[in-house]
């Protein structure tokens, strides 16, 4: 589980918690919604950032994998919000970064 401090344009901030699978879901939604910006027709036109790949690992390595993904996921989030507004301000991105009820009682793992 990754802890993200979200600061909105009105300078309010909140802490949210997201599993890697939620980042992956967001990435798939963005690539489907923005095929040109996702580089599906021409890889040179891709502006949607790459998400660190899914890694197969044993249960005992969960923390190691999460720590290795920390910097790439931070870079992914920063790149995502710097994209043109039609992507960075789309519903999928807003929903991802909005606080959810489960953020009040974050997962323990």
Protein backbone atom coordinates (compact mmCIF):
# COMPACT_ATOMS: atom_id res chain seq x y z
CA UNK A 1 0.00 0.00 0.00
CA UNK A 2 1.36 3.40 -1.00
CA UNK A 3 0.66 6.53 1.05
CA UNK A 4 0.08 9.61 -1.10
CA UNK A 5 -0.19 13.18 0.11
CA UNK A 6 -2.52 14.85 -2.39
CA UNK A 7 -2.49 18.65 -2.59
CA UNK A 8 -5.27 20.17 -4.67
CA UNK A 9 -5.17 23.49 -6.55
CA UNK A 10 -7.03 25.18 -3.67
CA UNK A 11 -4.09 24.09 -1.45
CA UNK A 12 -6.17 21.64 0.59
CA UNK A 13 -4.40 18.37 1.12
CA UNK A 14 -5.28 14.89 2.21
CA UNK A 15 -3.61 11.54 2.66
CA UNK A 16 -4.83 8.65 0.52
CA UNK A 17 -3.76 5.00 0.39
CA UNK A 18 -3.56 3.07 -2.88
CA UNK A 19 -2.45 -0.43 -3.71
CA UNK A 20 -0.33 -1.04 -6.80
CA UNK A 21 -3.31 -2.73 -8.46
CA UNK A 22 -5.22 0.59 -8.34
CA UNK A 23 -2.35 2.35 -10.14
CA UNK A 24 -2.42 -0.39 -12.75
CA UNK A 25 -6.21 -0.03 -13.15
CA UNK A 26 -5.83 3.73 -13.64
CA UNK A 27 -3.08 3.18 -16.21
CA UNK A 28 -5.26 0.79 -18.21
CA UNK A 29 -8.19 3.25 -18.12
CA UNK A 30 -5.98 6.10 -19.36
CA UNK A 31 -4.44 4.04 -22.15
CA UNK A 32 -7.94 2.99 -23.29
CA UNK A 33 -9.35 6.51 -23.10
CA UNK A 34 -6.34 8.24 -24.72
CA UNK A 35 -4.90 5.83 -27.32
CA UNK A 36 -2.93 8.52 -29.18
CA UNK A 37 -1.37 9.93 -25.99
CA UNK A 38 -0.74 6.33 -24.91
CA UNK A 39 1.31 5.71 -28.05
CA UNK A 40 -0.90 2.96 -29.47
CA UNK A 41 -0.75 4.30 -33.02
CA UNK A 42 2.68 5.90 -32.88
CA UNK A 43 4.96 5.24 -29.89
CA UNK A 44 6.70 8.59 -30.49
CA UNK A 45 3.46 10.38 -29.59
CA UNK A 46 3.19 8.74 -26.16
CA UNK A 47 2.96 11.27 -23.35
CA UNK A 48 1.22 9.09 -20.75
CA UNK A 49 4.01 8.02 -18.38
CA UNK A 50 5.03 4.41 -18.06
CA UNK A 51 4.05 2.59 -14.90
CA UNK A 52 6.55 0.18 -13.36
CA UNK A 53 5.68 -3.30 -14.59
CA UNK A 54 3.87 -5.96 -12.63
CA UNK A 55 6.34 -8.21 -10.86
CA UNK A 56 5.81 -11.80 -9.84
CA UNK A 57 7.22 -12.41 -6.38
CA UNK A 58 6.88 -14.63 -3.36
CA UNK A 59 4.82 -13.41 -0.43
CA UNK A 60 7.99 -12.84 1.61
CA UNK A 61 9.19 -10.26 -0.93
CA UNK A 62 6.12 -7.99 -0.92
CA UNK A 63 7.83 -5.23 1.06
CA UNK A 64 11.01 -5.35 -1.06
CA UNK A 65 9.01 -5.00 -4.26
CA UNK A 66 6.93 -2.16 -2.79
CA UNK A 67 10.07 -0.29 -1.73
CA UNK A 68 11.65 -0.73 -5.19
CA UNK A 69 8.50 0.68 -6.80
CA UNK A 70 8.32 3.69 -4.49
CA UNK A 71 10.42 6.12 -6.56
CA UNK A 72 8.96 5.04 -9.95
CA UNK A 73 5.42 5.40 -8.58
CA UNK A 74 6.24 8.84 -7.18
CA UNK A 75 7.64 9.84 -10.58
CA UNK A 76 4.55 8.38 -12.30
CA UNK A 77 2.18 10.46 -10.12
CA UNK A 78 4.19 13.64 -10.66
CA UNK A 79 4.32 13.09 -14.44
CA UNK A 80 0.61 12.29 -14.54
CA UNK A 81 -0.48 15.57 -12.97
CA UNK A 82 1.83 17.53 -15.33
CA UNK A 83 0.10 16.16 -18.43
CA UNK A 84 -2.20 18.40 -20.49
CA UNK A 85 -5.48 19.16 -18.68
CA UNK A 86 -7.60 16.88 -20.88
CA UNK A 87 -5.70 13.99 -19.28
CA UNK A 88 -4.52 15.29 -15.90
CA UNK A 89 -7.98 16.64 -15.07
CA UNK A 90 -10.06 13.81 -16.51
CA UNK A 91 -12.58 11.98 -14.32
CA UNK A 92 -10.40 8.89 -13.98
CA UNK A 93 -7.45 10.86 -12.57
CA UNK A 94 -9.69 12.88 -10.23
CA UNK A 95 -11.38 9.73 -8.95
CA UNK A 96 -8.02 8.05 -8.36
CA UNK A 97 -6.69 10.91 -6.22
CA UNK A 98 -9.93 11.68 -4.39
CA UNK A 99 -10.21 10.49 -0.80
CA UNK A 100 -12.39 7.42 -0.37
CA UNK A 101 -14.09 6.10 2.75
CA UNK A 102 -11.43 3.39 3.07
CA UNK A 103 -8.76 6.09 3.34
CA UNK A 104 -10.11 6.85 6.84
CA UNK A 105 -9.25 3.27 7.87
CA UNK A 106 -6.23 2.43 5.73
CA UNK A 107 -5.17 -1.15 5.02
CA UNK A 108 -2.65 -2.58 7.46
CA UNK A 109 -0.44 -4.20 4.78
